[in-house]
Amino acid sequence: MRKTLVPPIRPLSAYRIGRHALRVLANSTRGQVAGVFKGGIYLDLDDNWCCITSRGASAGPANICTPFFGGMDILQGCKVTVSRNRNIIIGRYLRVETVTADLWLPPKIDWTPKTLNLGLNAVDKMCVDSIPECGLSGAVWPVHPRWRRLPAEYYAAMPVIRSLSAWLESSLMSSIVKPPPTNCGDLLGLGPGLTPSGDDFLIGMLIALATIGRLDISAILGDAIEPFLCSNTGPISCLYLKTALNGEANEQLHLMINFVLGGHLRQIRPQLGIISSIGHSSGWDSLAGAMIVLRALRPT
């Protein structure tokens, strides 16, 4: 009887890893594949999540960036183990070595009120007639006349966004930060998809606040929404909200915010194209959240 040959485990070396992912691997020994998508694999390791990303995917706090992924029968529920030297073994298919991976950190930016004003004017002009017909970007930029109707999440979010905008303007001008509006948690889980529009909007706000150094404001906003993360949204979106509470998100969002703050006019348009390609409307929704923070800083 002919023996069935079992293919050897494929080794793969990660080249970048985020701080959240590094902490998860340092404190976990086993788990399972929680989701398989075109952009990578989500791992649930002892109830903490991270993501092995494919070639070309952006870096981020929860991401383990690899040069290639595909061609293996990895399914949701497949067993995962983590070795002492942070090797990730997925079933009988894949071993991801992370010990030589570079640590990813959010890019920094120098900015002034003048450069911010240049960036805001530029991005506003570019976004006219460009925003998608879904999500929450219509709360920040003018809605195109051709739209027949606005998405349901827009109407649900507008009262919250108005109150958050007023709170931000007051908080950014004061040394004493009051609690955010009581309805800010209504954005959690608002909208369809793995990362609902309301969650992405909050992520954009949190990252913009961290980028400008107002961790006091982001901490108070985080205190208001953190108790409801697990119950009001899905696990993948919860993962990204948790990392945003620590001031870190998708690298492309950081770059977009930095280019606007720094008034880097040549970089804003191509970066906006990259943002537009993230998720169904996730890039736009997170940028919209960041914009209400940056607009509150606009020089008068």
C-alpha atoms as a PDB file:
ATOM      1  CA  MET A   1       0.000   0.000   0.000  1.00  0.00           C
ATOM      2  CA  ARG A   2       1.441   3.352  -1.091  1.00  0.00           C
ATOM      3  CA  LYS A   3       2.075   5.793   1.740  1.00  0.00           C
ATOM      4  CA  THR A   4       0.614   9.271   1.517  1.00  0.00           C
ATOM      5  CA  LEU A   5       3.405  11.802   1.527  1.00  0.00           C
ATOM      6  CA  VAL A   6       2.890  14.619   3.999  1.00  0.00           C
ATOM      7  CA  PRO A   7       4.405  17.862   2.687  1.00  0.00           C
ATOM      8  CA  PRO A   8       6.981  19.430   5.000  1.00  0.00           C
ATOM      9  CA  ILE A   9       6.084  22.455   7.053  1.00  0.00           C
ATOM     10  CA  ARG A  10       6.884  25.546   5.051  1.00  0.00           C
ATOM     11  CA  PRO A  11       9.220  28.012   6.804  1.00  0.00           C
ATOM     12  CA  LEU A  12       8.571  31.718   6.424  1.00  0.00           C
ATOM     13  CA  SER A  13      10.493  34.628   7.946  1.00  0.00           C
ATOM     14  CA  ALA A  14       8.613  37.719   9.077  1.00  0.00           C
ATOM     15  CA  TYR A  15      10.345  40.992   8.275  1.00  0.00           C
ATOM     16  CA  ARG A  16       8.313  43.378  10.469  1.00  0.00           C
ATOM     17  CA  ILE A  17       6.201  42.947  13.570  1.00  0.00           C
ATOM     18  CA  GLY A  18       4.053  45.332  15.573  1.00  0.00           C
ATOM     19  CA  ARG A  19       4.296  45.858  19.314  1.00  0.00           C
ATOM     20  CA  HIS A  20       0.876  44.361  20.016  1.00  0.00           C
ATOM     21  CA  ALA A  21       1.718  41.234  18.018  1.00  0.00           C
ATOM     22  CA  LEU A  22       5.041  40.950  19.817  1.00  0.00           C
ATOM     23  CA  ARG A  23       3.314  41.063  23.215  1.00  0.00           C
ATOM     24  CA  VAL A  24       0.787  38.446  22.122  1.00  0.00           C
ATOM     25  CA  LEU A  25       3.527  36.034  21.035  1.00  0.00           C
ATOM     26  CA  ALA A  26       5.535  36.659  24.214  1.00  0.00           C
ATOM     27  CA  ASN A  27       2.565  35.745  26.409  1.00  0.00           C
ATOM     28  CA  SER A  28       0.961  32.927  24.420  1.00  0.00           C
ATOM     29  CA  THR A  29       1.709  29.285  23.750  1.00  0.00           C
ATOM     30  CA  ARG A  30      -1.227  28.049  21.706  1.00  0.00           C
ATOM     31  CA  GLY A  31      -4.419  28.969  19.950  1.00  0.00           C
ATOM     32  CA  GLN A  32      -6.137  28.650  16.617  1.00  0.00           C
ATOM     33  CA  VAL A  33      -6.663  30.294  13.263  1.00  0.00           C
ATOM     34  CA  ALA A  34      -9.592  32.659  13.811  1.00  0.00           C
ATOM     35  CA  GLY A  35     -10.018  33.853  10.235  1.00  0.00           C
ATOM     36  CA  VAL A  36      -8.461  33.474   6.787  1.00  0.00           C
ATOM     37  CA  PHE A  37      -8.666  36.380   4.348  1.00  0.00           C
ATOM     38  CA  LYS A  38      -6.920  37.518   1.190  1.00  0.00           C
ATOM     39  CA  GLY A  39      -4.707  39.872   3.156  1.00  0.00           C
ATOM     40  CA  GLY A  40      -3.667  37.378   5.798  1.00  0.00           C
ATOM     41  CA  ILE A  41      -4.537  35.110   8.692  1.00  0.00           C
ATOM     42  CA  TYR A  42      -5.941  36.180  12.056  1.00  0.00           C
ATOM     43  CA  LEU A  43      -4.719  34.174  15.027  1.00  0.00           C
ATOM     44  CA  ASP A  44      -6.498  33.818  18.356  1.00  0.00           C
ATOM     45  CA  LEU A  45      -3.727  32.986  20.821  1.00  0.00           C
ATOM     46  CA  ASP A  46      -4.948  32.476  24.374  1.00  0.00           C
ATOM     47  CA  ASP A  47      -7.779  34.974  23.682  1.00  0.00           C
ATOM     48  CA  ASN A  48      -5.403  37.576  22.261  1.00  0.00           C
ATOM     49  CA  TRP A  49      -5.410  38.306  18.545  1.00  0.00           C
ATOM     50  CA  CYS A  50      -2.786  39.176  15.943  1.00  0.00           C
ATOM     51  CA  CYS A  51      -2.496  38.836  12.167  1.00  0.00           C
ATOM     52  CA  ILE A  52       0.004  37.243   9.783  1.00  0.00           C
ATOM     53  CA  THR A  53      -0.140  39.454   6.701  1.00  0.00           C
ATOM     54  CA  SER A  54       0.699  38.685   3.093  1.00  0.00           C
ATOM     55  CA  ARG A  55       3.126  40.367   0.740  1.00  0.00           C
ATOM     56  CA  GLY A  56       2.240  43.993   0.103  1.00  0.00           C
ATOM     57  CA  ALA A  57       0.024  44.371   3.169  1.00  0.00           C
ATOM     58  CA  SER A  58       0.622  47.359   5.408  1.00  0.00           C
ATOM     59  CA  ALA A  59       2.453  47.174   8.699  1.00  0.00           C
ATOM     60  CA  GLY A  60       0.636  47.855  11.936  1.00  0.00           C
ATOM     61  CA  PRO A  61       0.623  47.125  15.664  1.00  0.00           C
ATOM     62  CA  ALA A  62      -1.088  43.731  15.385  1.00  0.00           C
ATOM     63  CA  ASN A  63       0.564  42.654  12.129  1.00  0.00           C
ATOM     64  CA  ILE A  64       3.291  40.113  11.489  1.00  0.00           C
ATOM     65  CA  CYS A  65       4.464  41.055   7.993  1.00  0.00           C
ATOM     66  CA  THR A  66       5.679  38.238   5.757  1.00  0.00           C
ATOM     67  CA  PRO A  67       6.988  38.322   2.158  1.00  0.00           C
ATOM     68  CA  PHE A  68       4.573  35.730   0.833  1.00  0.00           C
ATOM     69  CA  PHE A  69       1.479  33.827   1.740  1.00  0.00           C
ATOM     70  CA  GLY A  70      -0.772  31.484  -0.190  1.00  0.00           C
ATOM     71  CA  GLY A  71      -1.135  28.063  -1.667  1.00  0.00           C
ATOM     72  CA  MET A  72      -1.743  26.242   1.604  1.00  0.00           C
ATOM     73  CA  ASP A  73      -4.907  24.655   2.919  1.00  0.00           C
ATOM     74  CA  ILE A  74      -5.060  26.645   6.133  1.00  0.00           C
ATOM     75  CA  LEU A  75      -8.595  26.832   7.449  1.00  0.00           C
ATOM     76  CA  GLN A  76     -10.335  28.583  10.305  1.00  0.00           C
ATOM     77  CA  GLY A  77      -9.953  26.509  13.461  1.00  0.00           C
ATOM     78  CA  CYS A  78      -6.540  25.117  12.509  1.00  0.00           C
ATOM     79  CA  LYS A  79      -4.363  24.635  15.606  1.00  0.00           C
ATOM     80  CA  VAL A  80      -1.543  27.077  16.289  1.00  0.00           C
ATOM     81  CA  THR A  81       1.397  26.803  18.683  1.00  0.00           C
ATOM     82  CA  VAL A  82       4.009  29.393  19.657  1.00  0.00           C
ATOM     83  CA  SER A  83       7.534  28.306  20.583  1.00  0.00           C
ATOM     84  CA  ARG A  84       9.810  29.939  23.139  1.00  0.00           C
ATOM     85  CA  ASN A  85      11.712  31.770  20.405  1.00  0.00           C
ATOM     86  CA  ARG A  86       8.430  33.141  18.981  1.00  0.00           C
ATOM     87  CA  ASN A  87       8.092  30.755  16.063  1.00  0.00           C
ATOM     88  CA  ILE A  88       4.455  30.342  15.033  1.00  0.00           C
ATOM     89  CA  ILE A  89       3.523  26.850  13.869  1.00  0.00           C
ATOM     90  CA  ILE A  90       0.197  26.570  12.062  1.00  0.00           C
ATOM     91  CA  GLY A  91      -0.933  22.952  11.875  1.00  0.00           C
ATOM     92  CA  ARG A  92       1.259  20.934   9.516  1.00  0.00           C
ATOM     93  CA  TYR A  93       1.494  23.716   6.982  1.00  0.00           C
ATOM     94  CA  LEU A  94       3.483  26.722   8.063  1.00  0.00           C
ATOM     95  CA  ARG A  95       6.153  27.939  10.468  1.00  0.00           C
ATOM     96  CA  VAL A  96       6.580  31.700  10.739  1.00  0.00           C
ATOM     97  CA  GLU A  97       9.870  32.805  12.292  1.00  0.00           C
ATOM     98  CA  THR A  98       9.641  36.220  13.948  1.00  0.00           C
ATOM     99  CA  VAL A  99      12.821  36.547  16.010  1.00  0.00           C
ATOM    100  CA  THR A 100      14.672  38.495  13.285  1.00  0.00           C
ATOM    101  CA  ALA A 101      11.710  40.716  12.353  1.00  0.00           C
ATOM    102  CA  ASP A 102      12.160  44.468  12.711  1.00  0.00           C
ATOM    103  CA  LEU A 103       9.893  46.163  15.234  1.00  0.00           C
ATOM    104  CA  TRP A 104       7.362  48.443  13.539  1.00  0.00           C
ATOM    105  CA  LEU A 105       6.644  51.789  15.182  1.00  0.00           C
ATOM    106  CA  PRO A 106       4.308  54.567  14.018  1.00  0.00           C
ATOM    107  CA  PRO A 107       6.062  57.199  11.875  1.00  0.00           C
ATOM    108  CA  LYS A 108       6.512  60.616  13.475  1.00  0.00           C
ATOM    109  CA  ILE A 109       5.944  64.050  11.937  1.00  0.00           C
ATOM    110  CA  ASP A 110       6.946  67.659  12.577  1.00  0.00           C
ATOM    111  CA  TRP A 111       4.163  70.135  11.925  1.00  0.00           C
ATOM    112  CA  THR A 112       3.029  73.694  12.559  1.00  0.00           C
ATOM    113  CA  PRO A 113      -0.371  75.419  12.386  1.00  0.00           C
ATOM    114  CA  LYS A 114       0.646  76.717   8.948  1.00  0.00           C
ATOM    115  CA  THR A 115       1.505  73.290   7.528  1.00  0.00           C
ATOM    116  CA  LEU A 116      -1.686  71.850   9.012  1.00  0.00           C
ATOM    117  CA  ASN A 117      -3.772  74.513   7.297  1.00  0.00           C
ATOM    118  CA  LEU A 118      -2.086  73.741   3.969  1.00  0.00           C
ATOM    119  CA  GLY A 119      -2.762  70.036   4.418  1.00  0.00           C
ATOM    120  CA  LEU A 120      -6.396  70.502   5.418  1.00  0.00           C
ATOM    121  CA  ASN A 121      -7.113  72.757   2.444  1.00  0.00           C
ATOM    122  CA  ALA A 122      -5.489  70.280   0.075  1.00  0.00           C
ATOM    123  CA  VAL A 123      -7.245  67.171   1.341  1.00  0.00           C
ATOM    124  CA  ASP A 124     -10.628  68.915   1.430  1.00  0.00           C
ATOM    125  CA  LYS A 125     -10.307  69.904  -2.239  1.00  0.00           C
ATOM    126  CA  MET A 126      -9.298  66.388  -3.210  1.00  0.00           C
ATOM    127  CA  CYS A 127     -12.156  64.764  -1.311  1.00  0.00           C
ATOM    128  CA  VAL A 128     -14.924  66.785  -2.969  1.00  0.00           C
ATOM    129  CA  ASP A 129     -16.848  64.410  -5.276  1.00  0.00           C
ATOM    130  CA  SER A 130     -14.525  61.539  -4.269  1.00  0.00           C
ATOM    131  CA  ILE A 131     -16.010  60.106  -1.090  1.00  0.00           C
ATOM    132  CA  PRO A 132     -17.816  56.756  -1.287  1.00  0.00           C
ATOM    133  CA  GLU A 133     -21.585  56.442  -1.024  1.00  0.00           C
ATOM    134  CA  CYS A 134     -21.237  54.252   2.053  1.00  0.00           C
ATOM    135  CA  GLY A 135     -19.802  54.822   5.493  1.00  0.00           C
ATOM    136  CA  LEU A 136     -19.350  58.056   7.404  1.00  0.00           C
ATOM    137  CA  SER A 137     -17.149  60.223   5.183  1.00  0.00           C
ATOM    138  CA  GLY A 138     -20.293  62.140   4.176  1.00  0.00           C
ATOM    139  CA  ALA A 139     -20.328  63.512   7.718  1.00  0.00           C
ATOM    140  CA  VAL A 140     -17.066  65.349   7.015  1.00  0.00           C
ATOM    141  CA  TRP A 141     -17.081  66.218   3.297  1.00  0.00           C
ATOM    142  CA  PRO A 142     -19.926  67.452   1.045  1.00  0.00           C
ATOM    143  CA  VAL A 143     -22.200  64.743  -0.286  1.00  0.00           C
ATOM    144  CA  HIS A 144     -22.376  64.547  -4.086  1.00  0.00           C
ATOM    145  CA  PRO A 145     -25.768  65.526  -5.580  1.00  0.00           C
ATOM    146  CA  ARG A 146     -25.942  62.252  -7.521  1.00  0.00           C
ATOM    147  CA  TRP A 147     -26.383  60.297  -4.301  1.00  0.00           C
ATOM    148  CA  ARG A 148     -29.952  59.080  -4.077  1.00  0.00           C
ATOM    149  CA  ARG A 149     -29.827  58.556  -0.359  1.00  0.00           C
ATOM    150  CA  LEU A 150     -27.323  58.474   2.461  1.00  0.00           C
ATOM    151  CA  PRO A 151     -26.478  55.206   4.229  1.00  0.00           C
ATOM    152  CA  ALA A 152     -28.370  54.351   7.408  1.00  0.00           C
ATOM    153  CA  GLU A 153     -25.200  54.529   9.495  1.00  0.00           C
ATOM    154  CA  TYR A 154     -24.769  58.168   8.442  1.00  0.00           C
ATOM    155  CA  TYR A 155     -28.082  59.216   9.993  1.00  0.00           C
ATOM    156  CA  ALA A 156     -27.382  57.203  13.148  1.00  0.00           C
ATOM    157  CA  ALA A 157     -23.886  58.648  13.520  1.00  0.00           C
ATOM    158  CA  MET A 158     -24.498  62.336  12.802  1.00  0.00           C
ATOM    159  CA  PRO A 159     -25.788  63.322  16.290  1.00  0.00           C
ATOM    160  CA  VAL A 160     -22.779  61.583  17.848  1.00  0.00           C
ATOM    161  CA  ILE A 161     -20.291  63.155  15.435  1.00  0.00           C
ATOM    162  CA  ARG A 162     -21.690  66.642  16.049  1.00  0.00           C
ATOM    163  CA  SER A 163     -21.381  66.232  19.811  1.00  0.00           C
ATOM    164  CA  LEU A 164     -17.871  64.756  19.478  1.00  0.00           C
ATOM    165  CA  SER A 165     -16.771  67.659  17.262  1.00  0.00           C
ATOM    166  CA  ALA A 166     -17.972  70.199  19.827  1.00  0.00           C
ATOM    167  CA  TRP A 167     -16.270  68.268  22.627  1.00  0.00           C
ATOM    168  CA  LEU A 168     -12.996  68.141  20.687  1.00  0.00           C
ATOM    169  CA  GLU A 169     -12.989  71.878  20.004  1.00  0.00           C
ATOM    170  CA  SER A 170     -13.554  72.578  23.690  1.00  0.00           C
ATOM    171  CA  SER A 171     -11.009  69.995  24.873  1.00  0.00           C
ATOM    172  CA  LEU A 172      -8.224  71.079  22.517  1.00  0.00           C
ATOM    173  CA  MET A 173      -8.473  74.662  23.781  1.00  0.00           C
ATOM    174  CA  SER A 174      -8.478  73.733  27.468  1.00  0.00           C
ATOM    175  CA  SER A 175      -6.015  72.216  29.899  1.00  0.00           C
ATOM    176  CA  ILE A 176      -8.912  70.517  31.686  1.00  0.00           C
ATOM    177  CA  VAL A 177     -10.597  67.856  29.580  1.00  0.00           C
ATOM    178  CA  LYS A 178     -14.194  67.038  30.369  1.00  0.00           C
ATOM    179  CA  PRO A 179     -15.659  63.558  29.742  1.00  0.00           C
ATOM    180  CA  PRO A 180     -16.774  62.957  26.145  1.00  0.00           C
ATOM    181  CA  PRO A 181     -20.451  62.939  25.155  1.00  0.00           C
ATOM    182  CA  THR A 182     -22.376  60.086  26.720  1.00  0.00           C
ATOM    183  CA  ASN A 183     -23.520  58.907  23.293  1.00  0.00           C
ATOM    184  CA  CYS A 184     -19.992  58.382  21.897  1.00  0.00           C
ATOM    185  CA  GLY A 185     -20.303  54.631  22.481  1.00  0.00           C
ATOM    186  CA  ASP A 186     -23.171  54.571  19.979  1.00  0.00           C
ATOM    187  CA  LEU A 187     -20.561  54.542  17.209  1.00  0.00           C
ATOM    188  CA  LEU A 188     -19.275  51.119  18.301  1.00  0.00           C
ATOM    189  CA  GLY A 189     -20.423  48.429  15.901  1.00  0.00           C
ATOM    190  CA  LEU A 190     -22.275  50.964  13.742  1.00  0.00           C
ATOM    191  CA  GLY A 191     -22.359  49.783  10.139  1.00  0.00           C
ATOM    192  CA  PRO A 192     -21.761  46.509   8.285  1.00  0.00           C
ATOM    193  CA  GLY A 193     -18.582  44.488   7.849  1.00  0.00           C
ATOM    194  CA  LEU A 194     -15.713  43.143   9.936  1.00  0.00           C
ATOM    195  CA  THR A 195     -14.717  46.678  10.919  1.00  0.00           C
ATOM    196  CA  PRO A 196     -17.910  48.779  11.067  1.00  0.00           C
ATOM    197  CA  SER A 197     -17.781  52.418   9.994  1.00  0.00           C
ATOM    198  CA  GLY A 198     -18.350  53.731  13.509  1.00  0.00           C
ATOM    199  CA  ASP A 199     -15.388  51.747  14.825  1.00  0.00           C
ATOM    200  CA  ASP A 200     -13.114  52.991  12.039  1.00  0.00           C
ATOM    201  CA  PHE A 201     -14.218  56.569  12.725  1.00  0.00           C
ATOM    202  CA  LEU A 202     -13.242  56.218  16.394  1.00  0.00           C
ATOM    203  CA  ILE A 203      -9.901  54.678  15.397  1.00  0.00           C
ATOM    204  CA  GLY A 204      -9.151  57.699  13.223  1.00  0.00           C
ATOM    205  CA  MET A 205      -9.960  60.041  16.096  1.00  0.00           C
ATOM    206  CA  LEU A 206      -7.749  58.145  18.531  1.00  0.00           C
ATOM    207  CA  ILE A 207      -4.776  58.024  16.159  1.00  0.00           C
ATOM    208  CA  ALA A 208      -5.018  61.714  15.281  1.00  0.00           C
ATOM    209  CA  LEU A 209      -5.120  62.622  18.975  1.00  0.00           C
ATOM    210  CA  ALA A 210      -2.086  60.435  19.675  1.00  0.00           C
ATOM    211  CA  THR A 211      -0.200  61.922  16.724  1.00  0.00           C
ATOM    212  CA  ILE A 212      -0.654  65.500  17.949  1.00  0.00           C
ATOM    213  CA  GLY A 213       0.369  64.482  21.455  1.00  0.00           C
ATOM    214  CA  ARG A 214      -3.019  64.841  23.145  1.00  0.00           C
ATOM    215  CA  LEU A 215      -2.923  61.499  24.908  1.00  0.00           C
ATOM    216  CA  ASP A 216      -4.943  63.022  27.740  1.00  0.00           C
ATOM    217  CA  ILE A 217      -7.927  63.481  25.426  1.00  0.00           C
ATOM    218  CA  SER A 218      -7.557  60.071  23.771  1.00  0.00           C
ATOM    219  CA  ALA A 219      -7.315  58.427  27.205  1.00  0.00           C
ATOM    220  CA  ILE A 220     -10.585  59.988  28.358  1.00  0.00           C
ATOM    221  CA  LEU A 221     -12.290  58.955  25.116  1.00  0.00           C
ATOM    222  CA  GLY A 222     -10.841  55.472  25.557  1.00  0.00           C
ATOM    223  CA  ASP A 223     -12.169  55.237  29.104  1.00  0.00           C
ATOM    224  CA  ALA A 224     -15.656  55.951  27.760  1.00  0.00           C
ATOM    225  CA  ILE A 225     -15.672  53.287  25.035  1.00  0.00           C
ATOM    226  CA  GLU A 226     -13.345  50.544  26.312  1.00  0.00           C
ATOM    227  CA  PRO A 227     -15.899  48.858  28.639  1.00  0.00           C
ATOM    228  CA  PHE A 228     -18.163  48.218  25.640  1.00  0.00           C
ATOM    229  CA  LEU A 229     -15.638  47.011  23.049  1.00  0.00           C
ATOM    230  CA  CYS A 230     -16.113  43.268  23.431  1.00  0.00           C
ATOM    231  CA  SER A 231     -19.902  43.422  23.635  1.00  0.00           C
ATOM    232  CA  ASN A 232     -20.666  46.054  20.982  1.00  0.00           C
ATOM    233  CA  THR A 233     -18.438  45.027  18.085  1.00  0.00           C
ATOM    234  CA  GLY A 234     -16.717  42.014  16.522  1.00  0.00           C
ATOM    235  CA  PRO A 235     -13.339  40.550  17.531  1.00  0.00           C
ATOM    236  CA  ILE A 236     -11.339  41.882  14.573  1.00  0.00           C
ATOM    237  CA  SER A 237     -12.634  45.413  14.990  1.00  0.00           C
ATOM    238  CA  CYS A 238     -12.142  45.113  18.745  1.00  0.00           C
ATOM    239  CA  LEU A 239      -8.491  44.218  18.094  1.00  0.00           C
ATOM    240  CA  TYR A 240      -7.927  47.378  16.066  1.00  0.00           C
ATOM    241  CA  LEU A 241      -9.759  49.571  18.551  1.00  0.00           C
ATOM    242  CA  LYS A 242      -7.589  48.232  21.373  1.00  0.00           C
ATOM    243  CA  THR A 243      -4.390  49.031  19.482  1.00  0.00           C
ATOM    244  CA  ALA A 244      -5.762  52.482  18.609  1.00  0.00           C
ATOM    245  CA  LEU A 245      -6.294  53.106  22.323  1.00  0.00           C
ATOM    246  CA  ASN A 246      -2.505  52.717  22.552  1.00  0.00           C
ATOM    247  CA  GLY A 247      -1.994  55.203  19.722  1.00  0.00           C
ATOM    248  CA  GLU A 248      -1.226  52.724  16.946  1.00  0.00           C
ATOM    249  CA  ALA A 249      -3.090  51.646  13.809  1.00  0.00           C
ATOM    250  CA  ASN A 250      -2.549  50.736  10.161  1.00  0.00           C
ATOM    251  CA  GLU A 251       0.642  52.368   8.886  1.00  0.00           C
ATOM    252  CA  GLN A 252      -1.215  53.940   5.946  1.00  0.00           C
ATOM    253  CA  LEU A 253      -3.536  55.851   8.286  1.00  0.00           C
ATOM    254  CA  HIS A 254      -0.537  57.181  10.219  1.00  0.00           C
ATOM    255  CA  LEU A 255       1.085  58.335   6.972  1.00  0.00           C
ATOM    256  CA  MET A 256      -2.112  60.031   5.775  1.00  0.00           C
ATOM    257  CA  ILE A 257      -2.504  61.946   9.037  1.00  0.00           C
ATOM    258  CA  ASN A 258       1.184  62.895   8.975  1.00  0.00           C
ATOM    259  CA  PHE A 259       1.013  64.210   5.408  1.00  0.00           C
ATOM    260  CA  VAL A 260      -1.976  66.404   6.273  1.00  0.00           C
ATOM    261  CA  LEU A 261      -0.352  67.697   9.471  1.00  0.00           C
ATOM    262  CA  GLY A 262       2.941  68.381   7.725  1.00  0.00           C
ATOM    263  CA  GLY A 263       1.349  69.991   4.672  1.00  0.00           C
ATOM    264  CA  HIS A 264       3.082  67.495   2.370  1.00  0.00           C
ATOM    265  CA  LEU A 265       1.006  68.373  -0.674  1.00  0.00           C
ATOM    266  CA  ARG A 266       2.738  66.028  -3.135  1.00  0.00           C
ATOM    267  CA  GLN A 267       2.177  63.023  -0.912  1.00  0.00           C
ATOM    268  CA  ILE A 268      -1.462  63.674   0.028  1.00  0.00           C
ATOM    269  CA  ARG A 269      -3.074  62.715  -3.292  1.00  0.00           C
ATOM    270  CA  PRO A 270      -1.323  59.344  -3.778  1.00  0.00           C
ATOM    271  CA  GLN A 271      -1.809  58.521  -0.110  1.00  0.00           C
ATOM    272  CA  LEU A 272      -5.503  59.309  -0.422  1.00  0.00           C
ATOM    273  CA  GLY A 273      -5.647  56.714  -3.194  1.00  0.00           C
ATOM    274  CA  ILE A 274      -4.141  54.137  -0.843  1.00  0.00           C
ATOM    275  CA  ILE A 275      -6.593  55.085   1.899  1.00  0.00           C
ATOM    276  CA  SER A 276      -9.465  54.677  -0.573  1.00  0.00           C
ATOM    277  CA  SER A 277      -8.427  51.076  -1.229  1.00  0.00           C
ATOM    278  CA  ILE A 278      -8.559  49.958   2.420  1.00  0.00           C
ATOM    279  CA  GLY A 279     -11.624  47.817   3.043  1.00  0.00           C
ATOM    280  CA  HIS A 280     -15.074  48.677   1.749  1.00  0.00           C
ATOM    281  CA  SER A 281     -14.991  52.141   3.304  1.00  0.00           C
ATOM    282  CA  SER A 282     -12.643  51.595   6.266  1.00  0.00           C
ATOM    283  CA  GLY A 283      -9.915  53.898   4.988  1.00  0.00           C
ATOM    284  CA  TRP A 284     -12.356  56.720   4.363  1.00  0.00           C
ATOM    285  CA  ASP A 285     -14.113  56.219   7.704  1.00  0.00           C
ATOM    286  CA  SER A 286     -10.887  56.304   9.698  1.00  0.00           C
ATOM    287  CA  LEU A 287      -9.701  59.366   7.771  1.00  0.00           C
ATOM    288  CA  ALA A 288     -13.022  61.083   8.496  1.00  0.00           C
ATOM    289  CA  GLY A 289     -12.529  60.453  12.216  1.00  0.00           C
ATOM    290  CA  ALA A 290      -9.022  61.873  12.043  1.00  0.00           C
ATOM    291  CA  MET A 291     -10.243  64.926  10.149  1.00  0.00           C
ATOM    292  CA  ILE A 292     -12.618  66.121  12.862  1.00  0.00           C
ATOM    293  CA  VAL A 293      -9.629  66.187  15.219  1.00  0.00           C
ATOM    294  CA  LEU A 294      -7.377  68.020  12.758  1.00  0.00           C
ATOM    295  CA  ARG A 295     -10.107  70.513  11.841  1.00  0.00           C
ATOM    296  CA  ALA A 296     -10.555  71.343  15.513  1.00  0.00           C
ATOM    297  CA  LEU A 297      -6.877  72.387  15.471  1.00  0.00           C
ATOM    298  CA  ARG A 298      -7.259  74.622  12.414  1.00  0.00           C
ATOM    299  CA  PRO A 299      -5.867  78.122  13.028  1.00  0.00           C
ATOM    300  CA  THR A 300      -8.579  80.753  13.346  1.00  0.00           C
END
